[in-house]
Amino acid sequence: QLQLVESGGGVVQPGGSLRLSCAASGDTLDSYIIGWFRQVPGKERVAVACIHGSDGGTYYVDSVKGRFTISRDTAKNTVILQMNSLKPEDTAVYYCAASYYSGTYYFTEVSEYDYWGQGTQVTVSS
């Protein structure tokens, strides 16, 4: 059973950076697709970025392109979300998720993911 644990959230000023980590245990991420989602109170959880564990292929939603970078550390079985040039509208609880998948499609829907972490709060405020 795959387990995911996020870390790295916090409070940052607009224009600042944060680095979120998603550490996996119970299986290696080589055969999974891993996504980062975010959710604000009263709204749906939405995709931010995802990465193929097999080949490192990445996908980003338009609102974070050029600011966020998703990557994998295979030695640590971890996926990283580097967030730069943060804006107040990036404030949310961030979740990592994974599904066993080795294809080429990018999963952007909550229903496509089987495993979830507990979330980590990111607050962008002056």
Foldseek 3Di string as FASTA:
>chain_A
DKAWAKDWADEAAQQAKIKMKIFIPDDAQQQKKKWKWWDDPPDDIWTAKIAHSNPGDIDGDPVQPPFWDWGADRVRSMIMIIGGSDDQVVWTWMKMFMDRHDDDDHDIDPVVTDYIYPTDTHGHHD
